[in-house]
Amino acid sequence: MSIPVPKVPSFPAAAHTLTSLGGLRAAGVRAGIKASGNPDLGLLVSERSIPVAGIFTQNHFAAAPVLLSKKHLAASGGLFRALVVNSGNANACTGAQGEADAHEMCARVAARLGCPIEQVLVCSTGVIGVKLPMDKVRGGIDAAFDALAHDVEAGRRFLAAIMTTDAFPKEASVGAGAGQVAGVCKGAGMIEPNMATMLAFVGTDFALESGQLREALPRIAAQSFNAVHVDTHTSTNDTLLLLATGQTPAPHDWEQHVTRVAHRLSWLIARDGEGATKVTTIEVTGAASDAAAQQIGKLVAASALVRTALYGNDPNWGRFTSQVGNSTAVKNARALTCVLQGIEVFRSGEPTAFDRAAASRAMAQEDVRLELKLADGAGRAVVLTSDLGYRYVQVNAEYTT
């Protein structure tokens, strides 16, 4: 059987990227870490210390760069001068040597900038359990410093250097009065909403303090990076950083603008999904609480039966409703109404009369919406999930071989 290869989607470039924010420079270079020869080391540098906040994986095997970046954020009080990222190697499950290598990456950058090492953060992504080729990493850091630039394309070169199995680059931006928000991320597999779910770097030129960023970031993540699902597997390296360069007064609704960028980046991750053909937005309403709604949405999003039905454009409402019934957060399952692409397919314990062929055609879109309406309370949540097809198995079965 030949496995169909989904067409790689193409999206318009964002109007701005991280280097569009005043005071930020970036570079992406080929250090030789990846056997493919693709870009694999990125550097993002601020001209001065600026506020930053971060959220990291909850995986108990958190990688060395995650542990060190968390330590640096605490020690600096949330101040940022630089971020160094390598791809092709996760530097996870690499013991004391991995911790020393992550420290050396930060120390090398700090020495070049003349800044405290605590203001340098580090991320890695790629294969788990392999020691970093530090000779190549050192050379890559030096080359990245030589290539630093502040134009839009420099931001995109940084993005290219952090990608692994991504089928396409992921960037987003919005304008907000005189200010702007821009972000990039990488992620296509090993994605489960347990914060974070990839590498994601979002910045704004709003004047904000570290405390404001720390307070807002969990709320932003709950509506975006913490609401995206691909394969029920939280990575060892997940990192979300939010920077504020401070050139523009922050509007009262600044958090909404950052959330818009974060949500778009999350949608792009679900759309990539290692063989995905669409993104399904699962909206749960009427749950006992927001937490209950999220638990229900995640359960449905993680179901292989649900996701294969989405892949096949199969309006098999039984898979959706039975998975809702598996949730301990549901009080009155028989009050459930299920609406697929605007078509009501289930209400009050039984299917409704609908045109299955028309519903299948409606599902053959890049954006699919599944509404699950309960009557337990006022809780609401939204979860993004990719569909599950043949290509996902092929990509991950051959990942290291």
Protein backbone atom coordinates (compact mmCIF):
# COMPACT_ATOMS: atom_id res chain seq x y z
CA MET A 1 0.00 0.00 0.00
CA SER A 2 1.36 3.40 -0.92
CA ILE A 3 0.96 5.94 1.83
CA PRO A 4 -0.57 9.20 0.62
CA VAL A 5 1.59 12.21 1.39
CA PRO A 6 -0.51 15.23 2.35
CA LYS A 7 0.16 18.39 0.43
CA VAL A 8 2.32 20.77 2.42
CA PRO A 9 0.18 23.84 3.13
CA SER A 10 1.37 27.31 2.31
CA PHE A 11 0.54 30.34 4.41
CA PRO A 12 1.29 34.02 3.78
CA ALA A 13 4.31 35.32 5.66
CA ALA A 14 3.50 37.35 8.76
CA ALA A 15 3.83 41.10 8.41
CA HIS A 16 6.36 41.16 11.25
CA THR A 17 8.65 38.77 13.07
CA LEU A 18 10.70 39.01 16.25
CA THR A 19 13.35 41.23 14.66
CA SER A 20 10.64 43.75 13.78
CA LEU A 21 10.56 44.64 17.47
CA GLY A 22 13.00 47.41 18.27
CA GLY A 23 16.22 46.32 19.90
CA LEU A 24 16.13 42.66 18.85
CA ARG A 25 18.58 41.01 16.47
CA ALA A 26 18.62 37.41 15.32
CA ALA A 27 20.51 34.85 13.29
CA GLY A 28 20.08 31.29 12.11
CA VAL A 29 23.07 29.29 10.86
CA ARG A 30 24.20 25.82 9.83
CA ALA A 31 26.42 24.46 12.60
CA GLY A 32 26.44 20.87 11.36
CA ILE A 33 24.40 19.42 14.21
CA LYS A 34 21.80 18.06 11.78
CA ALA A 35 22.94 15.38 9.35
CA SER A 36 20.75 17.03 6.72
CA GLY A 37 22.90 20.15 6.72
CA ASN A 38 19.84 22.32 7.36
CA PRO A 39 20.07 25.36 9.69
CA ASP A 40 20.34 24.17 13.27
CA LEU A 41 21.49 26.97 15.55
CA GLY A 42 19.56 30.15 16.26
CA LEU A 43 20.46 33.21 18.30
CA LEU A 44 18.16 36.00 19.49
CA VAL A 45 19.80 39.00 21.18
CA SER A 46 18.43 42.13 22.83
CA GLU A 47 20.47 45.33 22.89
CA ARG A 48 19.63 45.76 26.57
CA SER A 49 18.10 43.79 29.41
CA ILE A 50 14.35 43.43 28.91
CA PRO A 51 11.54 41.66 30.81
CA VAL A 52 10.80 38.01 30.05
CA ALA A 53 8.55 35.27 31.40
CA GLY A 54 8.50 31.58 30.61
CA ILE A 55 6.53 28.38 31.02
CA PHE A 56 8.12 24.99 30.62
CA THR A 57 7.35 21.32 30.23
CA GLN A 58 6.03 19.36 33.21
CA ASN A 59 7.70 16.18 31.96
CA HIS A 60 9.74 14.63 34.79
CA PHE A 61 12.57 14.04 32.33
CA ALA A 62 12.84 17.75 31.54
CA ALA A 63 15.91 18.42 29.41
CA ALA A 64 19.05 20.15 30.65
CA PRO A 65 18.27 23.43 28.81
CA VAL A 66 14.82 23.55 30.41
CA LEU A 67 16.24 23.13 33.90
CA LEU A 68 18.91 25.75 33.30
CA SER A 69 16.55 28.31 31.72
CA LYS A 70 14.15 27.98 34.66
CA LYS A 71 17.07 28.52 37.03
CA HIS A 72 18.26 31.57 35.09
CA LEU A 73 14.78 33.13 35.00
CA ALA A 74 14.53 32.83 38.77
CA ALA A 75 18.04 34.17 39.36
CA SER A 76 17.66 37.17 37.01
CA GLY A 77 14.22 38.13 38.25
CA GLY A 78 12.90 37.79 34.70
CA LEU A 79 15.51 39.74 32.73
CA PHE A 80 16.62 38.77 29.23
CA ARG A 81 19.58 39.55 27.01
CA ALA A 82 19.78 36.51 24.73
CA LEU A 83 18.39 33.15 23.72
CA VAL A 84 20.45 30.42 22.06
CA VAL A 85 18.64 27.48 20.46
CA ASN A 86 19.93 24.38 18.77
CA SER A 87 17.85 21.90 16.77
CA GLY A 88 18.59 18.32 15.78
CA ASN A 89 19.53 17.32 19.34
CA ALA A 90 17.30 17.68 22.41
CA ASN A 91 20.09 17.48 25.01
CA ALA A 92 17.58 15.50 27.09
CA CYS A 93 18.39 12.45 29.22
CA THR A 94 22.08 13.27 28.82
CA GLY A 95 23.06 13.41 32.50
CA ALA A 96 25.69 15.69 34.01
CA GLN A 97 27.37 16.20 30.63
CA GLY A 98 24.15 17.55 29.17
CA GLU A 99 23.83 20.02 32.04
CA ALA A 100 27.42 21.15 31.54
CA ASP A 101 26.85 21.58 27.81
CA ALA A 102 23.75 23.73 28.33
CA HIS A 103 25.69 25.86 30.80
CA GLU A 104 28.56 26.24 28.35
CA MET A 105 26.17 27.43 25.62
CA CYS A 106 24.85 30.17 27.90
CA ALA A 107 28.33 31.07 29.16
CA ARG A 108 29.68 31.43 25.62
CA VAL A 109 26.85 33.79 24.66
CA ALA A 110 27.13 35.78 27.89
CA ALA A 111 30.88 36.24 27.36
CA ARG A 112 30.31 37.62 23.88
CA LEU A 113 27.68 40.06 25.17
CA GLY A 114 29.37 40.92 28.45
CA CYS A 115 26.18 40.25 30.38
CA PRO A 116 25.34 38.10 33.41
CA ILE A 117 24.94 34.46 32.43
CA GLU A 118 21.55 34.41 34.17
CA GLN A 119 20.18 36.71 31.45
CA VAL A 120 20.91 34.13 28.76
CA LEU A 121 18.35 31.38 28.12
CA VAL A 122 18.89 28.16 26.18
CA CYS A 123 16.64 25.73 24.32
CA SER A 124 17.30 22.50 22.45
CA THR A 125 15.05 20.33 20.29
CA GLY A 126 15.54 17.09 18.41
CA VAL A 127 16.48 13.51 19.23
CA ILE A 128 16.49 12.54 22.92
CA GLY A 129 19.42 10.82 24.63
CA VAL A 130 22.30 11.95 22.39
CA LYS A 131 25.14 14.13 23.64
CA LEU A 132 25.54 17.50 21.94
CA PRO A 133 28.45 17.81 19.47
CA MET A 134 29.88 20.76 21.34
CA ASP A 135 32.62 21.59 18.83
CA LYS A 136 29.89 22.21 16.27
CA VAL A 137 27.74 24.09 18.78
CA ARG A 138 30.61 26.41 19.71
CA GLY A 139 31.33 27.14 16.07
CA GLY A 140 27.63 27.70 15.44
CA ILE A 141 27.34 30.23 18.26
CA ASP A 142 30.32 32.18 16.94
CA ALA A 143 28.92 32.10 13.40
CA ALA A 144 25.53 33.23 14.64
CA PHE A 145 27.05 36.25 16.38
CA ASP A 146 28.75 37.21 13.13
CA ALA A 147 25.41 36.91 11.30
CA LEU A 148 23.20 38.86 13.73
CA ALA A 149 20.86 41.31 11.99
CA HIS A 150 17.66 43.20 12.74
CA ASP A 151 15.80 42.90 9.41
CA VAL A 152 12.67 40.76 9.02
CA GLU A 153 14.52 38.00 7.20
CA ALA A 154 16.95 37.62 10.12
CA GLY A 155 13.97 36.69 12.24
CA ARG A 156 12.98 34.10 9.66
CA ARG A 157 16.48 32.65 9.55
CA PHE A 158 16.25 32.24 13.32
CA LEU A 159 12.94 30.42 12.84
CA ALA A 160 14.41 28.12 10.18
CA ALA A 161 17.20 27.14 12.57
CA ILE A 162 14.85 25.93 15.32
CA MET A 163 12.72 23.63 13.13
CA THR A 164 12.90 19.82 13.20
CA THR A 165 10.09 17.78 11.64
CA ASP A 166 8.10 20.92 10.84
CA ALA A 167 6.71 20.84 7.32
CA PHE A 168 6.50 24.63 7.14
CA PRO A 169 7.63 27.69 9.15
CA LYS A 170 5.27 29.01 11.81
CA GLU A 171 5.09 32.75 12.44
CA ALA A 172 2.39 35.25 13.34
CA SER A 173 2.02 38.95 14.15
CA VAL A 174 -0.62 41.58 14.90
CA GLY A 175 -0.53 45.34 15.14
CA ALA A 176 -2.06 47.11 18.12
CA GLY A 177 -2.08 50.88 17.80
CA ALA A 178 1.52 52.03 17.64
CA GLY A 179 2.73 48.68 18.96
CA GLN A 180 2.97 45.16 17.66
CA VAL A 181 3.20 41.54 18.75
CA ALA A 182 5.19 38.94 16.84
CA GLY A 183 6.03 35.32 17.45
CA VAL A 184 7.55 32.17 16.03
CA CYS A 185 7.34 28.56 17.08
CA LYS A 186 8.29 25.05 16.10
CA GLY A 187 6.39 21.86 16.66
CA ALA A 188 4.63 19.14 14.70
CA GLY A 189 4.91 16.00 16.83
CA MET A 190 5.28 15.14 20.53
CA ILE A 191 2.56 17.70 21.26
CA GLU A 192 0.25 17.43 24.27
CA PRO A 193 -1.17 20.39 26.20
CA ASN A 194 0.66 20.17 29.49
CA MET A 195 2.62 23.41 29.12
CA ALA A 196 4.36 24.01 27.07
CA THR A 197 3.91 21.98 23.91
CA MET A 198 6.79 23.02 21.70
CA LEU A 199 9.36 25.79 21.43
CA ALA A 200 7.54 29.11 21.15
CA PHE A 201 8.92 32.62 21.39
CA VAL A 202 6.56 35.61 21.42
CA GLY A 203 7.56 39.23 21.77
CA THR A 204 5.94 42.63 21.92
CA ASP A 205 7.24 46.18 21.96
CA PHE A 206 4.76 47.13 24.68
CA ALA A 207 6.23 48.55 27.89
CA LEU A 208 5.52 45.79 30.40
CA GLU A 209 7.19 44.51 33.55
CA SER A 210 8.33 40.97 34.20
CA GLY A 211 5.62 40.55 36.82
CA GLN A 212 2.91 41.48 34.32
CA LEU A 213 4.26 38.94 31.85
CA ARG A 214 4.46 36.21 34.50
CA GLU A 215 0.89 36.85 35.63
CA ALA A 216 -0.59 36.90 32.13
CA LEU A 217 1.36 34.06 30.53
CA PRO A 218 -0.60 31.14 32.06
CA ARG A 219 -3.87 32.73 30.88
CA ILE A 220 -2.47 33.26 27.40
CA ALA A 221 -1.17 29.70 27.26
CA ALA A 222 -4.49 28.26 28.44
CA GLN A 223 -6.15 29.67 25.31
CA SER A 224 -3.39 28.73 22.91
CA PHE A 225 -0.28 26.62 23.48
CA ASN A 226 -1.89 24.74 26.35
CA ALA A 227 -4.96 23.97 24.24
CA VAL A 228 -3.33 22.23 21.28
CA HIS A 229 -3.09 18.49 20.85
CA VAL A 230 -1.34 16.28 18.31
CA ASP A 231 -0.34 12.98 19.91
CA THR A 232 -0.80 12.87 23.71
CA HIS A 233 2.94 13.10 24.31
CA THR A 234 4.39 16.01 26.26
CA SER A 235 7.98 16.70 25.22
CA THR A 236 11.00 16.88 27.50
CA ASN A 237 12.01 20.25 26.05
CA ASP A 238 8.86 22.35 25.76
CA THR A 239 9.43 26.05 26.36
CA LEU A 240 7.29 29.16 25.90
CA LEU A 241 8.92 32.57 26.34
CA LEU A 242 7.27 35.99 26.27
CA LEU A 243 9.43 39.12 25.86
CA ALA A 244 8.59 42.82 26.08
CA THR A 245 11.01 45.31 24.50
CA GLY A 246 9.29 48.40 25.95
CA GLN A 247 9.18 50.92 23.10
CA THR A 248 5.42 51.52 23.17
CA PRO A 249 2.95 52.15 26.01
CA ALA A 250 0.90 49.03 26.58
CA PRO A 251 -2.82 49.32 25.81
CA HIS A 252 -5.28 48.09 28.44
CA ASP A 253 -6.09 45.06 26.26
CA TRP A 254 -2.49 44.11 25.48
CA GLU A 255 -3.05 40.57 26.70
CA GLN A 256 -5.71 39.98 24.05
CA HIS A 257 -3.29 40.94 21.28
CA VAL A 258 -0.63 38.57 22.59
CA THR A 259 -3.25 35.83 22.85
CA ARG A 260 -4.22 36.32 19.20
CA VAL A 261 -0.65 35.69 18.09
CA ALA A 262 -0.27 32.73 20.45
CA HIS A 263 -3.51 31.18 19.21
CA ARG A 264 -2.47 31.50 15.57
CA LEU A 265 0.86 29.85 16.28
CA SER A 266 -0.92 27.02 18.11
CA TRP A 267 -3.28 26.54 15.16
CA LEU A 268 -0.28 26.23 12.85
CA ILE A 269 1.22 23.53 15.09
CA ALA A 270 -1.99 21.52 14.99
CA ARG A 271 -2.20 22.04 11.22
CA ASP A 272 1.30 20.64 10.78
CA GLY A 273 0.73 17.63 13.03
CA GLU A 274 3.13 15.34 11.10
CA GLY A 275 0.82 14.37 8.27
CA ALA A 276 -2.25 16.31 9.36
CA THR A 277 -4.68 17.60 6.76
CA LYS A 278 -6.82 19.82 8.97
CA VAL A 279 -7.31 21.41 12.38
CA THR A 280 -10.44 20.72 14.39
CA THR A 281 -11.50 23.25 16.99
CA ILE A 282 -13.39 21.45 19.74
CA GLU A 283 -15.55 23.88 21.72
CA VAL A 284 -17.07 22.55 24.93
CA THR A 285 -19.80 24.65 26.57
CA GLY A 286 -22.20 24.07 29.44
CA ALA A 287 -19.73 22.05 31.51
CA ALA A 288 -19.66 22.14 35.30
CA SER A 289 -16.59 24.41 35.23
CA ASP A 290 -13.90 25.63 32.83
CA ALA A 291 -11.61 22.90 34.14
CA ALA A 292 -14.28 20.28 33.46
CA ALA A 293 -14.79 21.64 29.96
CA GLN A 294 -11.07 21.44 29.27
CA GLN A 295 -10.90 17.87 30.56
CA ILE A 296 -13.75 16.85 28.26
CA GLY A 297 -12.25 18.66 25.28
CA LYS A 298 -8.84 17.08 25.82
CA LEU A 299 -10.34 13.61 26.09
CA VAL A 300 -12.14 14.00 22.76
CA ALA A 301 -9.10 15.62 21.12
CA ALA A 302 -6.84 12.74 22.17
CA SER A 303 -9.05 9.95 20.84
CA ALA A 304 -7.47 8.10 17.92
CA LEU A 305 -10.95 7.05 16.80
CA VAL A 306 -12.13 10.66 16.75
CA ARG A 307 -9.06 11.86 14.90
CA THR A 308 -9.16 9.12 12.26
CA ALA A 309 -12.81 9.96 11.63
CA LEU A 310 -11.76 13.57 11.12
CA TYR A 311 -9.05 12.45 8.70
CA GLY A 312 -11.58 10.41 6.70
CA ASN A 313 -14.25 13.14 6.70
CA ASP A 314 -16.51 10.67 8.47
CA PRO A 315 -19.37 12.32 10.44
CA ASN A 316 -19.34 9.42 12.89
CA TRP A 317 -21.04 11.16 15.79
CA GLY A 318 -20.84 7.98 17.89
CA ARG A 319 -17.10 8.47 18.33
CA PHE A 320 -17.54 12.04 19.53
CA THR A 321 -20.42 11.43 21.91
CA SER A 322 -19.10 8.18 23.39
CA GLN A 323 -15.83 9.86 24.26
CA VAL A 324 -17.71 12.65 26.03
CA GLY A 325 -19.46 9.89 27.97
CA ASN A 326 -16.07 8.55 29.07
CA SER A 327 -15.27 11.77 30.93
CA THR A 328 -15.67 11.80 34.71
CA ALA A 329 -16.27 15.56 34.43
CA VAL A 330 -19.69 15.05 32.79
CA LYS A 331 -22.72 15.12 35.08
CA ASN A 332 -25.60 14.70 32.61
CA ALA A 333 -24.34 13.12 29.42
CA ARG A 334 -27.83 12.70 27.99
CA ALA A 335 -28.21 16.47 27.74
CA LEU A 336 -25.38 16.57 25.19
CA THR A 337 -25.83 18.25 21.84
CA CYS A 338 -23.18 17.67 19.17
CA VAL A 339 -22.79 20.08 16.25
CA LEU A 340 -20.28 19.29 13.50
CA GLN A 341 -19.42 22.05 11.02
CA GLY A 342 -22.69 23.79 11.89
CA ILE A 343 -24.72 20.61 11.39
CA GLU A 344 -26.51 19.23 14.44
CA VAL A 345 -25.82 15.48 14.45
CA PHE A 346 -26.81 14.50 18.00
CA ARG A 347 -29.23 15.79 20.64
CA SER A 348 -30.63 14.49 23.94
CA GLY A 349 -29.30 10.96 23.72
CA GLU A 350 -29.99 10.19 20.08
CA PRO A 351 -28.91 11.20 16.57
CA THR A 352 -30.73 13.85 14.60
CA ALA A 353 -31.78 13.55 10.98
CA PHE A 354 -28.95 14.97 8.86
CA ASP A 355 -27.46 14.47 5.42
CA ARG A 356 -24.33 12.36 6.00
CA ALA A 357 -22.92 13.06 2.55
CA ALA A 358 -23.33 16.80 3.04
CA ALA A 359 -21.74 16.58 6.48
CA SER A 360 -18.79 14.65 5.03
CA ARG A 361 -18.28 17.31 2.37
CA ALA A 362 -18.41 19.99 5.06
CA MET A 363 -15.65 18.17 6.94
CA ALA A 364 -13.33 18.20 3.94
CA GLN A 365 -11.94 21.58 4.97
CA GLU A 366 -8.72 22.80 6.58
CA ASP A 367 -10.73 24.25 9.47
CA VAL A 368 -13.32 22.02 11.14
CA ARG A 369 -15.45 22.95 14.14
CA LEU A 370 -16.92 20.45 16.61
CA GLU A 371 -19.29 21.90 19.23
CA LEU A 372 -20.12 19.85 22.30
CA LYS A 373 -22.91 21.46 24.30
CA LEU A 374 -23.71 20.22 27.81
CA ALA A 375 -26.12 21.40 30.49
CA ASP A 376 -23.99 20.97 33.62
CA GLY A 377 -23.07 24.62 34.21
CA ALA A 378 -21.31 27.60 32.64
CA GLY A 379 -17.89 26.02 32.00
CA ARG A 380 -16.29 26.54 28.60
CA ALA A 381 -13.05 25.51 26.89
CA VAL A 382 -11.56 25.30 23.43
CA VAL A 383 -9.05 22.65 22.33
CA LEU A 384 -7.30 22.38 18.96
CA THR A 385 -6.48 18.96 17.54
CA SER A 386 -5.03 17.61 14.33
CA ASP A 387 -6.46 14.68 12.42
CA LEU A 388 -4.65 11.34 12.39
CA GLY A 389 -3.73 9.70 9.11
CA TYR A 390 -1.28 7.24 7.55
CA ARG A 391 1.54 9.75 7.28
CA TYR A 392 1.82 10.28 11.05
CA VAL A 393 2.70 6.62 11.58
CA GLN A 394 5.28 6.67 8.81
CA VAL A 395 7.01 9.82 10.04
CA ASN A 396 7.30 8.60 13.62
CA ALA A 397 8.09 4.97 12.83
CA GLU A 398 11.12 6.15 10.84
CA TYR A 399 12.14 9.09 13.06
CA THR A 400 15.55 7.77 14.15
CA THR A 401 16.03 4.97 11.63
